[in-house]
Amino acid sequence: MGFFKRREKEIKDTSDDVVGGFAFFLSLALLFPTGLLLLSLAIRQIRQAEVGNVIIFLAALVVGAAFAYRFMQGHLSVLIHEWKHELISSLVGNKNKRMEVGRDTGSLQYEYTRKTAHFNAFISLAPYIVPIFTFIGVLITAAVGSRHPSVALMIIGITYGADALMNTRDISPVQTDISLIRGGYSIGLLYIISWNMLTTAIVLAWAIQGFNGVAELFTTVMQLFIALYSVMTGWQPGA
């Protein structure tokens, strides 16, 4: 499933453009080590988790993935894939023209300008990194509140399980979404892995300790970056 794009106010067909510039590679350089670090820290938090909560979350994760595998196939799978392209394209200010959805393939045609061209790589990889169902799950749990933590765990587990399956099922060298990233398929795959490590870390930390777990995750990362900066520059906090 690829997508088609054309420069606004230009006749040139750019459907085979290689995408990914400075902003993309800068984000990759930051995203990979951060995602790896956050995931490692989140896994360490498992020792602090209640066994019952871990079981509930993992069971819900399996249910969500199984549901997506069984029911989100064919045209529905392609529609979700292309809609993620369209969502990010719209958010960055592009003009979406036409979406085509088949049983096994689809496409999105949109127009972009020089001001939005640097977002093309992110649009290209959107179906593999955007946890749309988890976002919906977060909105639902916000309505449920903290009075029913087990229900919240099940909702996030199911929705993230569906996202995990949908975000990885279409990964393949034949996908132009990934292979047309500057640097080739391996760079696109590395970006997908990096982003999903970050998402998994946040969801896992929340499942283990709630929002306190997520806060602890980012506090630890900030402390590590401050310590690294101090070693490299000799700067001392409070000096």
Protein backbone atom coordinates (compact mmCIF):
# COMPACT_ATOMS: atom_id res chain seq x y z
CA MET A 1 0.00 0.00 0.00
CA GLY A 2 1.65 3.14 -1.15
CA PHE A 3 0.50 6.67 -1.62
CA PHE A 4 0.67 9.22 -4.42
CA LYS A 5 1.59 12.84 -4.01
CA ARG A 6 2.08 15.86 -6.25
CA ARG A 7 3.71 19.22 -5.60
CA GLU A 8 1.18 22.02 -5.39
CA LYS A 9 1.18 24.25 -8.47
CA GLU A 10 3.53 21.91 -10.33
CA ILE A 11 2.77 19.48 -13.16
CA LYS A 12 5.61 17.08 -12.38
CA ASP A 13 4.46 13.68 -11.14
CA THR A 14 6.32 12.98 -7.89
CA SER A 15 4.74 9.68 -6.94
CA ASP A 16 8.18 8.05 -6.91
CA ASP A 17 9.87 10.79 -4.88
CA VAL A 18 12.41 9.75 -2.29
CA VAL A 19 11.36 11.38 0.99
CA GLY A 20 13.22 12.19 4.18
CA GLY A 21 15.35 15.27 4.78
CA PHE A 22 17.23 16.92 7.62
CA ALA A 23 14.23 17.09 9.98
CA PHE A 24 13.53 13.39 9.48
CA PHE A 25 17.09 12.26 10.14
CA LEU A 26 17.44 14.60 13.12
CA SER A 27 14.30 13.10 14.64
CA LEU A 28 15.64 9.59 13.95
CA ALA A 29 18.96 10.43 15.63
CA LEU A 30 17.06 11.52 18.74
CA LEU A 31 14.26 8.98 18.59
CA PHE A 32 16.27 5.76 18.44
CA PRO A 33 18.41 6.23 21.60
CA THR A 34 15.49 7.79 23.47
CA GLY A 35 13.13 4.97 22.53
CA LEU A 36 15.69 2.32 23.45
CA LEU A 37 16.38 3.98 26.80
CA LEU A 38 12.72 4.50 27.67
CA LEU A 39 11.84 0.90 26.78
CA SER A 40 14.70 -0.41 28.95
CA LEU A 41 13.54 1.73 31.88
CA ALA A 42 9.91 0.67 31.41
CA ILE A 43 10.88 -3.01 31.45
CA ARG A 44 12.78 -2.43 34.70
CA GLN A 45 9.60 -1.03 36.23
CA ILE A 46 7.91 -4.41 35.83
CA ARG A 47 9.53 -5.48 39.11
CA GLN A 48 7.34 -2.88 40.85
CA ALA A 49 4.13 -4.02 39.20
CA GLU A 50 1.34 -6.01 40.76
CA VAL A 51 1.18 -9.47 39.19
CA GLY A 52 -2.58 -9.21 38.71
CA ASN A 53 -2.27 -5.97 36.75
CA VAL A 54 0.43 -7.43 34.50
CA ILE A 55 -1.75 -10.47 33.76
CA ILE A 56 -4.78 -8.28 32.96
CA PHE A 57 -2.77 -6.02 30.67
CA LEU A 58 -1.03 -8.86 28.79
CA ALA A 59 -4.29 -10.77 28.36
CA ALA A 60 -5.98 -7.64 27.01
CA LEU A 61 -3.02 -7.06 24.69
CA VAL A 62 -3.44 -10.54 23.19
CA VAL A 63 -7.19 -10.04 22.81
CA GLY A 64 -6.67 -6.73 21.01
CA ALA A 65 -4.10 -8.16 18.63
CA ALA A 66 -6.24 -11.23 17.94
CA PHE A 67 -9.30 -9.06 17.26
CA ALA A 68 -7.36 -6.90 14.80
CA TYR A 69 -5.90 -9.97 13.10
CA ARG A 70 -9.30 -11.59 12.70
CA PHE A 71 -11.57 -8.68 11.84
CA MET A 72 -9.38 -5.86 10.47
CA GLN A 73 -8.53 -7.39 7.13
CA GLY A 74 -9.05 -6.65 3.47
CA HIS A 75 -10.68 -3.34 2.65
CA LEU A 76 -10.95 -2.31 6.32
CA SER A 77 -7.23 -2.84 6.90
CA VAL A 78 -6.35 -0.84 3.78
CA LEU A 79 -8.80 1.91 4.76
CA ILE A 80 -7.18 2.30 8.20
CA HIS A 81 -3.73 2.29 6.58
CA GLU A 82 -4.60 5.03 4.12
CA TRP A 83 -6.56 7.03 6.68
CA LYS A 84 -3.44 7.32 8.82
CA HIS A 85 -1.63 8.81 5.83
CA GLU A 86 -4.52 11.19 5.37
CA LEU A 87 -4.68 12.13 9.06
CA ILE A 88 -1.03 13.20 9.29
CA SER A 89 -1.20 14.87 5.87
CA SER A 90 -4.18 16.95 7.05
CA LEU A 91 -2.56 17.81 10.37
CA VAL A 92 0.52 19.30 8.69
CA GLY A 93 -1.62 21.40 6.35
CA ASN A 94 -1.61 19.48 3.07
CA LYS A 95 -4.56 19.30 0.71
CA ASN A 96 -5.80 15.74 0.36
CA LYS A 97 -7.20 15.00 -3.10
CA ARG A 98 -8.27 11.39 -3.46
CA MET A 99 -8.06 8.12 -1.58
CA GLU A 100 -8.34 4.73 -3.24
CA VAL A 101 -9.01 1.61 -1.18
CA GLY A 102 -8.85 -1.91 -2.53
CA ARG A 103 -8.79 -5.29 -0.88
CA ASP A 104 -5.00 -5.58 -0.82
CA THR A 105 -3.73 -2.17 -1.85
CA GLY A 106 -4.60 1.49 -1.67
CA SER A 107 -3.32 4.99 -2.33
CA LEU A 108 -3.68 8.56 -1.19
CA GLN A 109 -3.22 11.53 -3.47
CA TYR A 110 -2.40 14.84 -1.84
CA GLU A 111 -0.77 18.15 -2.65
CA TYR A 112 2.06 19.61 -0.62
CA THR A 113 4.03 22.82 -0.70
CA ARG A 114 7.66 23.63 -0.02
CA LYS A 115 6.66 24.58 3.52
CA THR A 116 5.20 21.13 4.23
CA ALA A 117 7.52 19.00 2.09
CA HIS A 118 9.71 18.06 5.07
CA PHE A 119 6.72 16.22 6.58
CA ASN A 120 6.45 13.77 3.66
CA ALA A 121 8.58 11.10 5.36
CA PHE A 122 6.39 11.24 8.47
CA ILE A 123 3.26 10.98 6.32
CA SER A 124 4.76 8.04 4.49
CA LEU A 125 5.44 6.11 7.70
CA ALA A 126 2.26 7.13 9.54
CA PRO A 127 0.48 3.74 9.17
CA TYR A 128 3.34 2.05 11.03
CA ILE A 129 3.78 4.49 13.91
CA VAL A 130 0.45 6.19 14.71
CA PRO A 131 -1.32 4.40 17.62
CA ILE A 132 -4.77 5.61 16.71
CA PHE A 133 -6.69 2.96 18.65
CA THR A 134 -4.61 3.58 21.77
CA PHE A 135 -5.41 7.26 21.55
CA ILE A 136 -9.11 6.38 21.47
CA GLY A 137 -8.53 4.06 24.42
CA VAL A 138 -6.91 6.90 26.39
CA LEU A 139 -9.98 9.09 25.77
CA ILE A 140 -12.24 6.28 26.98
CA THR A 141 -10.18 5.66 30.12
CA ALA A 142 -10.21 9.38 30.86
CA ALA A 143 -14.00 9.12 30.97
CA VAL A 144 -13.84 5.95 33.11
CA GLY A 145 -11.49 7.63 35.57
CA SER A 146 -9.31 6.10 38.26
CA ARG A 147 -12.25 4.42 39.99
CA HIS A 148 -11.96 1.39 37.72
CA PRO A 149 -8.22 0.75 37.15
CA SER A 150 -8.74 -2.82 35.94
CA VAL A 151 -11.18 -1.65 33.28
CA ALA A 152 -8.72 1.04 32.20
CA LEU A 153 -5.96 -1.57 31.95
CA MET A 154 -8.15 -3.77 29.76
CA ILE A 155 -9.13 -0.88 27.48
CA ILE A 156 -5.55 0.29 26.93
CA GLY A 157 -4.33 -3.28 26.58
CA ILE A 158 -6.92 -4.12 23.93
CA THR A 159 -6.45 -0.90 21.96
CA TYR A 160 -2.66 -1.04 22.06
CA GLY A 161 -2.75 -4.71 21.08
CA ALA A 162 -4.77 -3.74 18.01
CA ASP A 163 -2.33 -0.92 17.20
CA ALA A 164 0.70 -3.18 17.64
CA LEU A 165 -0.75 -5.66 15.16
CA MET A 166 -1.87 -3.04 12.65
CA ASN A 167 1.38 -1.09 12.84
CA THR A 168 3.55 -4.13 12.11
CA ARG A 169 1.42 -6.31 9.83
CA ASP A 170 2.10 -4.34 6.65
CA ILE A 171 5.86 -3.91 7.13
CA SER A 172 7.58 -5.24 4.01
CA PRO A 173 10.34 -4.23 1.56
CA VAL A 174 7.69 -4.06 -1.17
CA GLN A 175 5.94 -1.20 0.63
CA THR A 176 6.85 2.04 -1.14
CA ASP A 177 5.88 3.84 2.07
CA ILE A 178 9.08 2.47 3.58
CA SER A 179 11.36 1.75 0.62
CA LEU A 180 11.13 5.32 -0.73
CA ILE A 181 12.52 6.77 2.49
CA ARG A 182 15.91 8.37 1.81
CA GLY A 183 18.47 5.74 2.71
CA GLY A 184 16.15 2.92 1.72
CA TYR A 185 14.08 0.31 3.49
CA SER A 186 16.50 -0.19 6.39
CA ILE A 187 16.28 3.49 7.42
CA GLY A 188 12.49 3.45 7.22
CA LEU A 189 12.37 0.26 9.27
CA LEU A 190 14.72 1.71 11.88
CA TYR A 191 12.45 4.73 12.25
CA ILE A 192 9.39 2.50 12.66
CA ILE A 193 11.15 0.42 15.31
CA SER A 194 12.36 3.54 17.14
CA TRP A 195 8.93 5.13 17.25
CA ASN A 196 7.22 1.93 18.39
CA MET A 197 9.82 1.41 21.14
CA LEU A 198 8.91 4.85 22.45
CA THR A 199 5.17 4.18 22.30
CA THR A 200 5.54 0.75 23.91
CA ALA A 201 7.63 2.20 26.73
CA ILE A 202 5.01 4.84 27.56
CA VAL A 203 2.11 2.38 27.44
CA LEU A 204 4.01 -0.18 29.52
CA ALA A 205 5.00 2.38 32.16
CA TRP A 206 1.38 3.54 32.39
CA ALA A 207 0.14 -0.05 32.71
CA ILE A 208 2.59 -0.71 35.55
CA GLN A 209 2.29 2.44 37.66
CA GLY A 210 -0.23 4.70 35.94
CA PHE A 211 0.71 8.28 35.19
CA ASN A 212 3.30 8.13 37.97
CA GLY A 213 5.11 5.46 35.98
CA VAL A 214 5.17 7.67 32.87
CA ALA A 215 6.37 10.65 34.94
CA GLU A 216 9.10 8.52 36.50
CA LEU A 217 10.15 7.37 33.05
CA PHE A 218 10.68 10.87 31.67
CA THR A 219 12.17 12.19 34.94
CA THR A 220 14.81 9.47 34.83
CA VAL A 221 15.61 10.20 31.18
CA MET A 222 15.94 13.92 31.91
CA GLN A 223 18.27 13.21 34.83
CA LEU A 224 20.42 10.99 32.63
CA PHE A 225 20.64 13.64 29.90
CA ILE A 226 21.57 16.29 32.49
CA ALA A 227 24.26 14.00 33.89
CA LEU A 228 25.61 13.33 30.40
CA TYR A 229 25.65 17.04 29.61
CA SER A 230 27.51 17.72 32.86
CA VAL A 231 30.17 15.14 32.00
CA MET A 232 30.63 16.53 28.50
CA THR A 233 30.71 20.23 29.43
CA GLY A 234 31.74 20.33 33.07
CA TRP A 235 28.54 22.20 33.93
CA GLN A 236 27.06 21.52 37.35
CA PRO A 237 23.35 21.99 38.17
CA GLY A 238 22.86 24.98 40.47
CA ALA A 239 26.34 26.32 39.80
